[in-house]
């Protein structure tokens, strides 16, 4: 998947969430994609998609590459996932550092980041390489 395919992916997920596609969405995937210059492993078998990132920096790079750049990028993909009743889990190594979409909840919602949850402990440990 190229960087230019990200807006199309978000638009497709939006259409499914708005009822313009088949009801509900389950994903089956076991693939490798390249986004924002990073190689990511994607694995999914139901409504939960796991994305393995090489580093915390690569997670940020990919978020910046989503529609809207660093502005509304933090909202476009999580909102589209939630509308389609999908959840994406970002992993760095064996640690789940962030959750986006339907099953994501936490205090970030108070800051305007609905459908986004992070694990501060896992994020910190992954960032320092422990």
C-alpha atoms as a PDB file:
ATOM      1  CA  UNK A   1       0.000   0.000   0.000  1.00  0.00           C
ATOM      2  CA  UNK A   2       1.443   3.321  -0.985  1.00  0.00           C
ATOM      3  CA  UNK A   3       1.104   6.640   0.831  1.00  0.00           C
ATOM      4  CA  UNK A   4      -1.400   7.796  -1.801  1.00  0.00           C
ATOM      5  CA  UNK A   5      -3.694   4.858  -0.944  1.00  0.00           C
ATOM      6  CA  UNK A   6      -4.268   6.073   2.629  1.00  0.00           C
ATOM      7  CA  UNK A   7      -6.976   8.642   1.763  1.00  0.00           C
ATOM      8  CA  UNK A   8      -8.752   6.009  -0.321  1.00  0.00           C
ATOM      9  CA  UNK A   9      -8.628   3.551   2.581  1.00  0.00           C
ATOM     10  CA  UNK A  10     -10.077   6.102   5.006  1.00  0.00           C
ATOM     11  CA  UNK A  11     -12.791   7.059   2.487  1.00  0.00           C
ATOM     12  CA  UNK A  12     -13.721   3.389   1.999  1.00  0.00           C
ATOM     13  CA  UNK A  13     -13.936   2.778   5.738  1.00  0.00           C
ATOM     14  CA  UNK A  14     -16.058   5.966   6.037  1.00  0.00           C
ATOM     15  CA  UNK A  15     -18.495   4.689   3.387  1.00  0.00           C
ATOM     16  CA  UNK A  16     -18.890   1.361   5.187  1.00  0.00           C
ATOM     17  CA  UNK A  17     -19.455   3.145   8.498  1.00  0.00           C
ATOM     18  CA  UNK A  18     -22.078   5.405   6.890  1.00  0.00           C
ATOM     19  CA  UNK A  19     -24.020   2.411   5.604  1.00  0.00           C
ATOM     20  CA  UNK A  20     -22.915   2.881   1.982  1.00  0.00           C
ATOM     21  CA  UNK A  21     -21.332  -0.544   1.953  1.00  0.00           C
ATOM     22  CA  UNK A  22     -22.120  -3.951   3.365  1.00  0.00           C
ATOM     23  CA  UNK A  23     -23.303  -3.935   6.996  1.00  0.00           C
ATOM     24  CA  UNK A  24     -20.457  -4.446   9.455  1.00  0.00           C
ATOM     25  CA  UNK A  25     -16.908  -4.931   8.413  1.00  0.00           C
ATOM     26  CA  UNK A  26     -14.526  -7.711   9.304  1.00  0.00           C
ATOM     27  CA  UNK A  27     -10.994  -7.768   8.020  1.00  0.00           C
ATOM     28  CA  UNK A  28      -8.862 -10.773   7.156  1.00  0.00           C
ATOM     29  CA  UNK A  29      -5.281  -9.853   6.418  1.00  0.00           C
ATOM     30  CA  UNK A  30      -1.753 -11.047   6.820  1.00  0.00           C
ATOM     31  CA  UNK A  31       0.360  -8.708   4.771  1.00  0.00           C
ATOM     32  CA  UNK A  32       3.222  -6.262   4.668  1.00  0.00           C
ATOM     33  CA  UNK A  33       2.687  -2.664   3.578  1.00  0.00           C
ATOM     34  CA  UNK A  34       4.983   0.317   3.127  1.00  0.00           C
ATOM     35  CA  UNK A  35       3.650   3.635   4.442  1.00  0.00           C
ATOM     36  CA  UNK A  36       5.610   6.860   4.861  1.00  0.00           C
ATOM     37  CA  UNK A  37       8.805   4.934   4.107  1.00  0.00           C
ATOM     38  CA  UNK A  38       8.215   2.342   6.841  1.00  0.00           C
ATOM     39  CA  UNK A  39       7.604  -1.380   6.457  1.00  0.00           C
ATOM     40  CA  UNK A  40       4.563  -2.430   8.511  1.00  0.00           C
ATOM     41  CA  UNK A  41       3.124  -5.872   9.168  1.00  0.00           C
ATOM     42  CA  UNK A  42      -0.682  -5.997   9.227  1.00  0.00           C
ATOM     43  CA  UNK A  43      -2.597  -8.917  10.705  1.00  0.00           C
ATOM     44  CA  UNK A  44      -6.365  -9.197  11.175  1.00  0.00           C
ATOM     45  CA  UNK A  45      -8.991 -11.890  11.366  1.00  0.00           C
ATOM     46  CA  UNK A  46     -12.114 -10.086  12.636  1.00  0.00           C
ATOM     47  CA  UNK A  47     -12.907  -6.500  13.562  1.00  0.00           C
ATOM     48  CA  UNK A  48      -9.510  -5.981  15.213  1.00  0.00           C
ATOM     49  CA  UNK A  49      -6.530  -5.057  13.020  1.00  0.00           C
ATOM     50  CA  UNK A  50      -2.994  -5.321  14.424  1.00  0.00           C
ATOM     51  CA  UNK A  51      -0.287  -3.192  12.842  1.00  0.00           C
ATOM     52  CA  UNK A  52       3.338  -3.838  13.811  1.00  0.00           C
ATOM     53  CA  UNK A  53       5.575  -0.771  13.588  1.00  0.00           C
ATOM     54  CA  UNK A  54       9.386  -0.791  13.745  1.00  0.00           C
ATOM     55  CA  UNK A  55       9.501   2.148  16.209  1.00  0.00           C
ATOM     56  CA  UNK A  56       7.447   4.815  17.982  1.00  0.00           C
ATOM     57  CA  UNK A  57       8.774   7.344  15.456  1.00  0.00           C
ATOM     58  CA  UNK A  58       7.326   5.297  12.613  1.00  0.00           C
ATOM     59  CA  UNK A  59       3.895   5.377  14.285  1.00  0.00           C
ATOM     60  CA  UNK A  60       4.059   9.176  14.307  1.00  0.00           C
ATOM     61  CA  UNK A  61       5.270   9.293  10.691  1.00  0.00           C
ATOM     62  CA  UNK A  62       2.344   7.136   9.552  1.00  0.00           C
ATOM     63  CA  UNK A  63      -0.177   9.267  11.469  1.00  0.00           C
ATOM     64  CA  UNK A  64       1.258  12.363   9.798  1.00  0.00           C
ATOM     65  CA  UNK A  65       0.890  10.659   6.399  1.00  0.00           C
ATOM     66  CA  UNK A  66      -2.869  10.136   6.857  1.00  0.00           C
ATOM     67  CA  UNK A  67      -5.313  12.638   5.345  1.00  0.00           C
ATOM     68  CA  UNK A  68      -4.901  16.126   6.738  1.00  0.00           C
ATOM     69  CA  UNK A  69      -1.241  15.749   7.690  1.00  0.00           C
ATOM     70  CA  UNK A  70      -0.504  16.581  11.300  1.00  0.00           C
ATOM     71  CA  UNK A  71      -3.750  18.586  11.645  1.00  0.00           C
ATOM     72  CA  UNK A  72      -6.846  16.400  11.515  1.00  0.00           C
ATOM     73  CA  UNK A  73      -4.916  13.199  10.791  1.00  0.00           C
ATOM     74  CA  UNK A  74      -5.285  12.172  14.398  1.00  0.00           C
ATOM     75  CA  UNK A  75      -9.071  12.202  13.927  1.00  0.00           C
ATOM     76  CA  UNK A  76      -9.712  11.015  10.352  1.00  0.00           C
ATOM     77  CA  UNK A  77      -8.593   7.421  10.651  1.00  0.00           C
ATOM     78  CA  UNK A  78      -9.801   6.757  14.235  1.00  0.00           C
ATOM     79  CA  UNK A  79     -13.246   8.205  13.440  1.00  0.00           C
ATOM     80  CA  UNK A  80     -13.530   6.171  10.235  1.00  0.00           C
ATOM     81  CA  UNK A  81     -12.529   2.987  12.060  1.00  0.00           C
ATOM     82  CA  UNK A  82     -15.050   3.626  14.855  1.00  0.00           C
ATOM     83  CA  UNK A  83     -17.863   4.310  12.370  1.00  0.00           C
ATOM     84  CA  UNK A  84     -17.135   0.964  10.686  1.00  0.00           C
ATOM     85  CA  UNK A  85     -16.943  -0.771  14.092  1.00  0.00           C
ATOM     86  CA  UNK A  86     -13.263  -1.608  13.537  1.00  0.00           C
ATOM     87  CA  UNK A  87     -10.346  -1.295  15.944  1.00  0.00           C
ATOM     88  CA  UNK A  88      -6.687  -0.921  14.993  1.00  0.00           C
ATOM     89  CA  UNK A  89      -3.969  -1.756  17.492  1.00  0.00           C
ATOM     90  CA  UNK A  90      -0.510  -0.250  16.957  1.00  0.00           C
ATOM     91  CA  UNK A  91       2.287  -2.460  18.259  1.00  0.00           C
ATOM     92  CA  UNK A  92       5.975  -1.734  18.606  1.00  0.00           C
ATOM     93  CA  UNK A  93       7.760  -4.989  19.259  1.00  0.00           C
ATOM     94  CA  UNK A  94       5.469  -6.995  21.506  1.00  0.00           C
ATOM     95  CA  UNK A  95       3.928  -3.905  23.135  1.00  0.00           C
ATOM     96  CA  UNK A  96       0.511  -2.497  22.251  1.00  0.00           C
ATOM     97  CA  UNK A  97       1.223   1.243  22.325  1.00  0.00           C
ATOM     98  CA  UNK A  98      -2.021   2.659  20.915  1.00  0.00           C
ATOM     99  CA  UNK A  99      -5.561   1.675  20.002  1.00  0.00           C
ATOM    100  CA  UNK A 100      -7.627   3.512  17.392  1.00  0.00           C
ATOM    101  CA  UNK A 101     -11.280   3.115  16.506  1.00  0.00           C
ATOM    102  CA  UNK A 102     -14.292   1.403  18.016  1.00  0.00           C
ATOM    103  CA  UNK A 103     -12.734  -0.128  21.150  1.00  0.00           C
ATOM    104  CA  UNK A 104     -10.484   2.825  21.985  1.00  0.00           C
ATOM    105  CA  UNK A 105     -11.456   4.906  24.964  1.00  0.00           C
ATOM    106  CA  UNK A 106      -9.593   6.846  27.562  1.00  0.00           C
ATOM    107  CA  UNK A 107      -8.748  10.286  28.828  1.00  0.00           C
ATOM    108  CA  UNK A 108      -7.588  11.531  25.408  1.00  0.00           C
ATOM    109  CA  UNK A 109     -11.265  11.980  24.539  1.00  0.00           C
ATOM    110  CA  UNK A 110     -11.303  14.966  26.903  1.00  0.00           C
ATOM    111  CA  UNK A 111      -8.619  16.557  24.720  1.00  0.00           C
ATOM    112  CA  UNK A 112     -10.607  16.027  21.536  1.00  0.00           C
ATOM    113  CA  UNK A 113      -8.983  12.760  20.494  1.00  0.00           C
ATOM    114  CA  UNK A 114     -12.044  10.530  20.390  1.00  0.00           C
ATOM    115  CA  UNK A 115     -11.483   6.892  19.507  1.00  0.00           C
ATOM    116  CA  UNK A 116      -7.790   7.055  20.445  1.00  0.00           C
ATOM    117  CA  UNK A 117      -6.186   5.384  23.455  1.00  0.00           C
ATOM    118  CA  UNK A 118      -2.509   5.038  24.298  1.00  0.00           C
ATOM    119  CA  UNK A 119      -0.632   2.987  26.818  1.00  0.00           C
ATOM    120  CA  UNK A 120       1.803   5.517  28.340  1.00  0.00           C
ATOM    121  CA  UNK A 121       3.934   2.806  29.929  1.00  0.00           C
ATOM    122  CA  UNK A 122       4.269   0.765  26.740  1.00  0.00           C
ATOM    123  CA  UNK A 123       4.776   3.899  24.680  1.00  0.00           C
ATOM    124  CA  UNK A 124       7.595   5.089  26.918  1.00  0.00           C
ATOM    125  CA  UNK A 125       9.301   1.689  27.114  1.00  0.00           C
ATOM    126  CA  UNK A 126       9.097   1.304  23.322  1.00  0.00           C
ATOM    127  CA  UNK A 127      10.400   4.841  22.751  1.00  0.00           C
ATOM    128  CA  UNK A 128      13.510   4.269  24.885  1.00  0.00           C
ATOM    129  CA  UNK A 129      14.033   0.781  23.441  1.00  0.00           C
ATOM    130  CA  UNK A 130      13.688  -1.175  26.661  1.00  0.00           C
END
